[in-house]
Amino acid sequence: QQVKLQLKLDNISIHHQRIENFPPQKFHTIVSRAFTSAKNFFELTRHLGQAHTTWLAMKGQYPKDELLELALLPVDAT
């Protein structure tokens, strides 16, 4: 919310709620902060993405092991 205000970004929306309760819709970018592993983050939000969605997971340190685990996920062709 603070970045949106400081940068005067009127074309983004901030949602603070559990992903399990989030109504289905498609996003261009999905951002997470201190949420879960990269794999779980992607699996839990995959239904909110589309072909060109970018997932951004803010992590404390470079998550090399998590990225390797994420690379093993099957690619959905839809």
PDB file of N, CA and C in Angstrom:
ATOM      1  N   GLN A   1       0.822  -1.183   0.000  1.00  0.00           N
ATOM      2  CA  GLN A   1       0.000   0.000   0.000  1.00  0.00           C
ATOM      3  C   GLN A   1       0.872   1.254   0.000  1.00  0.00           C
ATOM      4  N   GLN A   2       1.951   1.231   0.782  1.00  0.00           N
ATOM      5  CA  GLN A   2       2.833   2.396   0.868  1.00  0.00           C
ATOM      6  C   GLN A   2       3.481   2.719  -0.475  1.00  0.00           C
ATOM      7  N   VAL A   3       3.943   1.707  -1.195  1.00  0.00           N
ATOM      8  CA  VAL A   3       4.557   1.924  -2.512  1.00  0.00           C
ATOM      9  C   VAL A   3       3.531   2.511  -3.470  1.00  0.00           C
ATOM     10  N   LYS A   4       2.332   1.985  -3.444  1.00  0.00           N
ATOM     11  CA  LYS A   4       1.272   2.504  -4.315  1.00  0.00           C
ATOM     12  C   LYS A   4       1.043   3.997  -4.065  1.00  0.00           C
ATOM     13  N   LEU A   5       1.002   4.390  -2.789  1.00  0.00           N
ATOM     14  CA  LEU A   5       0.795   5.794  -2.433  1.00  0.00           C
ATOM     15  C   LEU A   5       1.984   6.667  -2.831  1.00  0.00           C
ATOM     16  N   GLN A   6       3.188   6.221  -2.492  1.00  0.00           N
ATOM     17  CA  GLN A   6       4.372   7.024  -2.768  1.00  0.00           C
ATOM     18  C   GLN A   6       4.630   7.207  -4.262  1.00  0.00           C
ATOM     19  N   LEU A   7       4.366   6.158  -5.038  1.00  0.00           N
ATOM     20  CA  LEU A   7       4.614   6.227  -6.478  1.00  0.00           C
ATOM     21  C   LEU A   7       3.385   6.685  -7.273  1.00  0.00           C
ATOM     22  N   LYS A   8       2.296   6.948  -6.554  1.00  0.00           N
ATOM     23  CA  LYS A   8       1.045   7.399  -7.191  1.00  0.00           C
ATOM     24  C   LYS A   8       0.584   6.431  -8.285  1.00  0.00           C
ATOM     25  N   LEU A   9       0.540   5.149  -7.916  1.00  0.00           N
ATOM     26  CA  LEU A   9       0.133   4.093  -8.851  1.00  0.00           C
ATOM     27  C   LEU A   9      -1.374   3.863  -8.707  1.00  0.00           C
ATOM     28  N   ASP A  10      -2.138   4.448  -9.585  1.00  0.00           N
ATOM     29  CA  ASP A  10      -3.592   4.319  -9.519  1.00  0.00           C
ATOM     30  C   ASP A  10      -4.121   3.093 -10.249  1.00  0.00           C
ATOM     31  N   ASN A  11      -3.273   2.425 -11.000  1.00  0.00           N
ATOM     32  CA  ASN A  11      -3.736   1.288 -11.807  1.00  0.00           C
ATOM     33  C   ASN A  11      -3.430  -0.065 -11.160  1.00  0.00           C
ATOM     34  N   ILE A  12      -3.169  -0.096  -9.856  1.00  0.00           N
ATOM     35  CA  ILE A  12      -2.956  -1.370  -9.165  1.00  0.00           C
ATOM     36  C   ILE A  12      -3.902  -1.457  -7.978  1.00  0.00           C
ATOM     37  N   SER A  13      -4.182  -2.684  -7.581  1.00  0.00           N
ATOM     38  CA  SER A  13      -5.029  -2.883  -6.402  1.00  0.00           C
ATOM     39  C   SER A  13      -4.296  -3.775  -5.412  1.00  0.00           C
ATOM     40  N   ILE A  14      -4.484  -3.497  -4.144  1.00  0.00           N
ATOM     41  CA  ILE A  14      -3.843  -4.235  -3.071  1.00  0.00           C
ATOM     42  C   ILE A  14      -4.918  -5.068  -2.378  1.00  0.00           C
ATOM     43  N   HIS A  15      -4.629  -6.345  -2.158  1.00  0.00           N
ATOM     44  CA  HIS A  15      -5.595  -7.233  -1.506  1.00  0.00           C
ATOM     45  C   HIS A  15      -4.928  -7.869  -0.291  1.00  0.00           C
ATOM     46  N   HIS A  16      -5.579  -7.742   0.842  1.00  0.00           N
ATOM     47  CA  HIS A  16      -5.089  -8.334   2.082  1.00  0.00           C
ATOM     48  C   HIS A  16      -6.136  -9.349   2.543  1.00  0.00           C
ATOM     49  N   GLN A  17      -5.994 -10.582   2.098  1.00  0.00           N
ATOM     50  CA  GLN A  17      -6.917 -11.624   2.520  1.00  0.00           C
ATOM     51  C   GLN A  17      -6.320 -12.982   2.209  1.00  0.00           C
ATOM     52  N   ARG A  18      -6.891 -14.008   2.787  1.00  0.00           N
ATOM     53  CA  ARG A  18      -6.405 -15.361   2.557  1.00  0.00           C
ATOM     54  C   ARG A  18      -6.681 -15.773   1.117  1.00  0.00           C
ATOM     55  N   ILE A  19      -5.700 -16.414   0.496  1.00  0.00           N
ATOM     56  CA  ILE A  19      -5.840 -16.827  -0.906  1.00  0.00           C
ATOM     57  C   ILE A  19      -6.994 -17.807  -1.087  1.00  0.00           C
ATOM     58  N   GLU A  20      -7.278 -18.600  -0.058  1.00  0.00           N
ATOM     59  CA  GLU A  20      -8.384 -19.562  -0.142  1.00  0.00           C
ATOM     60  C   GLU A  20      -9.733 -18.864  -0.278  1.00  0.00           C
ATOM     61  N   ASN A  21      -9.827 -17.614   0.177  1.00  0.00           N
ATOM     62  CA  ASN A  21     -11.086 -16.867   0.132  1.00  0.00           C
ATOM     63  C   ASN A  21     -11.136 -15.848  -1.006  1.00  0.00           C
ATOM     64  N   PHE A  22     -10.114 -15.840  -1.829  1.00  0.00           N
ATOM     65  CA  PHE A  22     -10.037 -14.838  -2.888  1.00  0.00           C
ATOM     66  C   PHE A  22     -10.885 -15.253  -4.083  1.00  0.00           C
ATOM     67  N   PRO A  23     -11.738 -14.366  -4.584  1.00  0.00           N
ATOM     68  CA  PRO A  23     -12.574 -14.719  -5.736  1.00  0.00           C
ATOM     69  C   PRO A  23     -11.731 -14.932  -6.991  1.00  0.00           C
ATOM     70  N   PRO A  24     -12.043 -15.949  -7.781  1.00  0.00           N
ATOM     71  CA  PRO A  24     -11.260 -16.243  -8.988  1.00  0.00           C
ATOM     72  C   PRO A  24     -11.295 -15.097  -9.986  1.00  0.00           C
ATOM     73  N   GLN A  25     -10.135 -14.707 -10.441  1.00  0.00           N
ATOM     74  CA  GLN A  25      -9.959 -13.724 -11.501  1.00  0.00           C
ATOM     75  C   GLN A  25      -8.531 -13.849 -12.004  1.00  0.00           C
ATOM     76  N   LYS A  26      -8.208 -13.205 -13.085  1.00  0.00           N
ATOM     77  CA  LYS A  26      -6.874 -13.324 -13.682  1.00  0.00           C
ATOM     78  C   LYS A  26      -6.080 -12.040 -13.476  1.00  0.00           C
ATOM     79  N   PHE A  27      -4.790 -12.206 -13.141  1.00  0.00           N
ATOM     80  CA  PHE A  27      -3.917 -11.070 -12.874  1.00  0.00           C
ATOM     81  C   PHE A  27      -2.694 -11.113 -13.779  1.00  0.00           C
ATOM     82  N   HIS A  28      -2.127  -9.940 -14.038  1.00  0.00           N
ATOM     83  CA  HIS A  28      -0.878  -9.829 -14.795  1.00  0.00           C
ATOM     84  C   HIS A  28       0.322 -10.092 -13.885  1.00  0.00           C
ATOM     85  N   THR A  29       0.219  -9.663 -12.628  1.00  0.00           N
ATOM     86  CA  THR A  29       1.306  -9.821 -11.670  1.00  0.00           C
ATOM     87  C   THR A  29       0.725 -10.237 -10.324  1.00  0.00           C
ATOM     88  N   ILE A  30       1.375 -11.198  -9.675  1.00  0.00           N
ATOM     89  CA  ILE A  30       0.972 -11.648  -8.348  1.00  0.00           C
ATOM     90  C   ILE A  30       2.197 -11.536  -7.447  1.00  0.00           C
ATOM     91  N   VAL A  31       2.056 -10.802  -6.340  1.00  0.00           N
ATOM     92  CA  VAL A  31       3.178 -10.534  -5.449  1.00  0.00           C
ATOM     93  C   VAL A  31       2.879 -11.119  -4.072  1.00  0.00           C
ATOM     94  N   SER A  32       3.907 -11.694  -3.475  1.00  0.00           N
ATOM     95  CA  SER A  32       3.794 -12.259  -2.138  1.00  0.00           C
ATOM     96  C   SER A  32       4.957 -11.786  -1.286  1.00  0.00           C
ATOM     97  N   ARG A  33       4.690 -11.575   0.002  1.00  0.00           N
ATOM     98  CA  ARG A  33       5.748 -11.191   0.931  1.00  0.00           C
ATOM     99  C   ARG A  33       5.671 -12.093   2.157  1.00  0.00           C
ATOM    100  N   ALA A  34       6.755 -12.830   2.413  1.00  0.00           N
ATOM    101  CA  ALA A  34       6.835 -13.696   3.595  1.00  0.00           C
ATOM    102  C   ALA A  34       5.626 -14.619   3.701  1.00  0.00           C
ATOM    103  N   PHE A  35       5.320 -15.308   2.621  1.00  0.00           N
ATOM    104  CA  PHE A  35       4.106 -16.125   2.558  1.00  0.00           C
ATOM    105  C   PHE A  35       4.396 -17.602   2.764  1.00  0.00           C
ATOM    106  N   THR A  36       5.140 -18.203   1.874  1.00  0.00           N
ATOM    107  CA  THR A  36       5.411 -19.638   1.912  1.00  0.00           C
ATOM    108  C   THR A  36       6.553 -19.914   0.945  1.00  0.00           C
ATOM    109  N   SER A  37       6.815 -21.177   0.684  1.00  0.00           N
ATOM    110  CA  SER A  37       7.850 -21.518  -0.297  1.00  0.00           C
ATOM    111  C   SER A  37       7.394 -21.065  -1.685  1.00  0.00           C
ATOM    112  N   ALA A  38       8.344 -20.913  -2.591  1.00  0.00           N
ATOM    113  CA  ALA A  38       8.019 -20.499  -3.956  1.00  0.00           C
ATOM    114  C   ALA A  38       7.063 -21.504  -4.605  1.00  0.00           C
ATOM    115  N   LYS A  39       7.299 -22.784  -4.375  1.00  0.00           N
ATOM    116  CA  LYS A  39       6.441 -23.823  -4.951  1.00  0.00           C
ATOM    117  C   LYS A  39       5.006 -23.697  -4.435  1.00  0.00           C
ATOM    118  N   ASN A  40       4.845 -23.567  -3.122  1.00  0.00           N
ATOM    119  CA  ASN A  40       3.501 -23.431  -2.556  1.00  0.00           C
ATOM    120  C   ASN A  40       2.829 -22.149  -3.020  1.00  0.00           C
ATOM    121  N   PHE A  41       3.589 -21.068  -3.074  1.00  0.00           N
ATOM    122  CA  PHE A  41       3.056 -19.790  -3.542  1.00  0.00           C
ATOM    123  C   PHE A  41       2.489 -19.947  -4.949  1.00  0.00           C
ATOM    124  N   PHE A  42       3.263 -20.561  -5.832  1.00  0.00           N
ATOM    125  CA  PHE A  42       2.799 -20.747  -7.201  1.00  0.00           C
ATOM    126  C   PHE A  42       1.594 -21.685  -7.263  1.00  0.00           C
ATOM    127  N   GLU A  43       1.659 -22.796  -6.545  1.00  0.00           N
ATOM    128  CA  GLU A  43       0.556 -23.759  -6.593  1.00  0.00           C
ATOM    129  C   GLU A  43      -0.742 -23.160  -6.046  1.00  0.00           C
ATOM    130  N   LEU A  44      -0.643 -22.363  -4.984  1.00  0.00           N
ATOM    131  CA  LEU A  44      -1.836 -21.774  -4.381  1.00  0.00           C
ATOM    132  C   LEU A  44      -2.421 -20.622  -5.196  1.00  0.00           C
ATOM    133  N   THR A  45      -1.611 -20.011  -6.060  1.00  0.00           N
ATOM    134  CA  THR A  45      -2.087 -18.859  -6.829  1.00  0.00           C
ATOM    135  C   THR A  45      -2.155 -19.122  -8.334  1.00  0.00           C
ATOM    136  N   ARG A  46      -1.799 -20.309  -8.739  1.00  0.00           N
ATOM    137  CA  ARG A  46      -1.774 -20.659 -10.164  1.00  0.00           C
ATOM    138  C   ARG A  46      -3.092 -20.348 -10.868  1.00  0.00           C
ATOM    139  N   HIS A  47      -4.210 -20.587 -10.189  1.00  0.00           N
ATOM    140  CA  HIS A  47      -5.531 -20.352 -10.789  1.00  0.00           C
ATOM    141  C   HIS A  47      -5.818 -18.865 -11.020  1.00  0.00           C
ATOM    142  N   LEU A  48      -5.008 -17.990 -10.443  1.00  0.00           N
ATOM    143  CA  LEU A  48      -5.193 -16.550 -10.619  1.00  0.00           C
ATOM    144  C   LEU A  48      -4.333 -15.992 -11.752  1.00  0.00           C
ATOM    145  N   GLY A  49      -3.491 -16.843 -12.319  1.00  0.00           N
ATOM    146  CA  GLY A  49      -2.589 -16.405 -13.378  1.00  0.00           C
ATOM    147  C   GLY A  49      -3.127 -16.690 -14.758  1.00  0.00           C
ATOM    148  N   GLN A  50      -2.365 -16.235 -15.738  1.00  0.00           N
ATOM    149  CA  GLN A  50      -2.675 -16.472 -17.145  1.00  0.00           C
ATOM    150  C   GLN A  50      -1.347 -16.697 -17.867  1.00  0.00           C
ATOM    151  N   ALA A  51      -1.364 -16.765 -19.163  1.00  0.00           N
ATOM    152  CA  ALA A  51      -0.159 -17.128 -19.921  1.00  0.00           C
ATOM    153  C   ALA A  51       1.035 -16.221 -19.640  1.00  0.00           C
ATOM    154  N   HIS A  52       0.813 -14.933 -19.424  1.00  0.00           N
ATOM    155  CA  HIS A  52       1.933 -14.003 -19.254  1.00  0.00           C
ATOM    156  C   HIS A  52       1.996 -13.398 -17.845  1.00  0.00           C
ATOM    157  N   THR A  53       1.440 -14.091 -16.867  1.00  0.00           N
ATOM    158  CA  THR A  53       1.486 -13.599 -15.489  1.00  0.00           C
ATOM    159  C   THR A  53       2.910 -13.694 -14.948  1.00  0.00           C
ATOM    160  N   THR A  54       3.287 -12.697 -14.159  1.00  0.00           N
ATOM    161  CA  THR A  54       4.576 -12.704 -13.469  1.00  0.00           C
ATOM    162  C   THR A  54       4.305 -12.896 -11.986  1.00  0.00           C
ATOM    163  N   TRP A  55       4.982 -13.869 -11.376  1.00  0.00           N
ATOM    164  CA  TRP A  55       4.889 -14.111  -9.947  1.00  0.00           C
ATOM    165  C   TRP A  55       6.133 -13.524  -9.284  1.00  0.00           C
ATOM    166  N   LEU A  56       5.929 -12.693  -8.272  1.00  0.00           N
ATOM    167  CA  LEU A  56       7.028 -12.072  -7.545  1.00  0.00           C
ATOM    168  C   LEU A  56       6.934 -12.473  -6.073  1.00  0.00           C
ATOM    169  N   ALA A  57       7.921 -13.195  -5.589  1.00  0.00           N
ATOM    170  CA  ALA A  57       7.941 -13.626  -4.189  1.00  0.00           C
ATOM    171  C   ALA A  57       9.088 -12.916  -3.484  1.00  0.00           C
ATOM    172  N   MET A  58       8.748 -12.035  -2.565  1.00  0.00           N
ATOM    173  CA  MET A  58       9.781 -11.321  -1.814  1.00  0.00           C
ATOM    174  C   MET A  58      10.344 -12.252  -0.751  1.00  0.00           C
ATOM    175  N   LYS A  59      11.628 -12.527  -0.833  1.00  0.00           N
ATOM    176  CA  LYS A  59      12.307 -13.455   0.068  1.00  0.00           C
ATOM    177  C   LYS A  59      13.446 -12.748   0.782  1.00  0.00           C
ATOM    178  N   GLY A  60      13.799 -13.223   1.946  1.00  0.00           N
ATOM    179  CA  GLY A  60      14.892 -12.631   2.698  1.00  0.00           C
ATOM    180  C   GLY A  60      16.248 -12.901   2.065  1.00  0.00           C
ATOM    181  N   GLN A  61      16.418 -14.094   1.527  1.00  0.00           N
ATOM    182  CA  GLN A  61      17.660 -14.477   0.875  1.00  0.00           C
ATOM    183  C   GLN A  61      17.314 -15.155  -0.449  1.00  0.00           C
ATOM    184  N   TYR A  62      18.289 -15.203  -1.340  1.00  0.00           N
ATOM    185  CA  TYR A  62      18.053 -15.834  -2.648  1.00  0.00           C
ATOM    186  C   TYR A  62      17.638 -17.288  -2.427  1.00  0.00           C
ATOM    187  N   PRO A  63      16.446 -17.700  -2.894  1.00  0.00           N
ATOM    188  CA  PRO A  63      15.906 -19.033  -2.606  1.00  0.00           C
ATOM    189  C   PRO A  63      16.327 -20.100  -3.626  1.00  0.00           C
ATOM    190  N   LYS A  64      17.612 -20.368  -3.718  1.00  0.00           N
ATOM    191  CA  LYS A  64      18.136 -21.301  -4.718  1.00  0.00           C
ATOM    192  C   LYS A  64      17.420 -22.654  -4.665  1.00  0.00           C
ATOM    193  N   ASP A  65      17.300 -23.258  -3.480  1.00  0.00           N
ATOM    194  CA  ASP A  65      16.643 -24.567  -3.358  1.00  0.00           C
ATOM    195  C   ASP A  65      15.166 -24.503  -3.748  1.00  0.00           C
ATOM    196  N   GLU A  66      14.497 -23.417  -3.362  1.00  0.00           N
ATOM    197  CA  GLU A  66      13.084 -23.267  -3.715  1.00  0.00           C
ATOM    198  C   GLU A  66      12.900 -23.140  -5.220  1.00  0.00           C
ATOM    199  N   LEU A  67      13.798 -22.445  -5.878  1.00  0.00           N
ATOM    200  CA  LEU A  67      13.703 -22.286  -7.330  1.00  0.00           C
ATOM    201  C   LEU A  67      13.954 -23.615  -8.044  1.00  0.00           C
ATOM    202  N   LEU A  68      14.859 -24.409  -7.523  1.00  0.00           N
ATOM    203  CA  LEU A  68      15.086 -25.740  -8.102  1.00  0.00           C
ATOM    204  C   LEU A  68      13.834 -26.595  -7.959  1.00  0.00           C
ATOM    205  N   GLU A  69      13.192 -26.534  -6.794  1.00  0.00           N
ATOM    206  CA  GLU A  69      11.961 -27.281  -6.563  1.00  0.00           C
ATOM    207  C   GLU A  69      10.846 -26.790  -7.489  1.00  0.00           C
ATOM    208  N   LEU A  70      10.780 -25.502  -7.670  1.00  0.00           N
ATOM    209  CA  LEU A  70       9.764 -24.905  -8.549  1.00  0.00           C
ATOM    210  C   LEU A  70       9.972 -25.335  -9.998  1.00  0.00           C
ATOM    211  N   ALA A  71      11.213 -25.463 -10.423  1.00  0.00           N
ATOM    212  CA  ALA A  71      11.509 -25.864 -11.795  1.00  0.00           C
ATOM    213  C   ALA A  71      11.010 -27.269 -12.104  1.00  0.00           C
ATOM    214  N   LEU A  72      10.772 -28.094 -11.084  1.00  0.00           N
ATOM    215  CA  LEU A  72      10.316 -29.465 -11.288  1.00  0.00           C
ATOM    216  C   LEU A  72       8.802 -29.567 -11.462  1.00  0.00           C
ATOM    217  N   LEU A  73       8.086 -28.478 -11.258  1.00  0.00           N
ATOM    218  CA  LEU A  73       6.621 -28.519 -11.407  1.00  0.00           C
ATOM    219  C   LEU A  73       6.257 -28.720 -12.869  1.00  0.00           C
ATOM    220  N   PRO A  74       5.192 -29.495 -13.136  1.00  0.00           N
ATOM    221  CA  PRO A  74       4.746 -29.675 -14.519  1.00  0.00           C
ATOM    222  C   PRO A  74       4.187 -28.364 -15.060  1.00  0.00           C
ATOM    223  N   VAL A  75       4.375 -28.142 -16.338  1.00  0.00           N
ATOM    224  CA  VAL A  75       3.867 -26.947 -17.002  1.00  0.00           C
ATOM    225  C   VAL A  75       2.474 -27.240 -17.514  1.00  0.00           C
ATOM    226  N   ASP A  76       1.536 -26.369 -17.184  1.00  0.00           N
ATOM    227  CA  ASP A  76       0.157 -26.504 -17.659  1.00  0.00           C
ATOM    228  C   ASP A  76       0.056 -25.807 -19.017  1.00  0.00           C
ATOM    229  N   ALA A  77      -0.343 -26.535 -20.026  1.00  0.00           N
ATOM    230  CA  ALA A  77      -0.392 -25.997 -21.388  1.00  0.00           C
ATOM    231  C   ALA A  77      -1.620 -25.133 -21.653  1.00  0.00           C
ATOM    232  N   THR A  78      -2.525 -25.009 -20.667  1.00  0.00           N
ATOM    233  CA  THR A  78      -3.734 -24.213 -20.913  1.00  0.00           C
ATOM    234  C   THR A  78      -3.533 -22.763 -20.640  1.00  0.00           C
TER     235      THR A  78
END
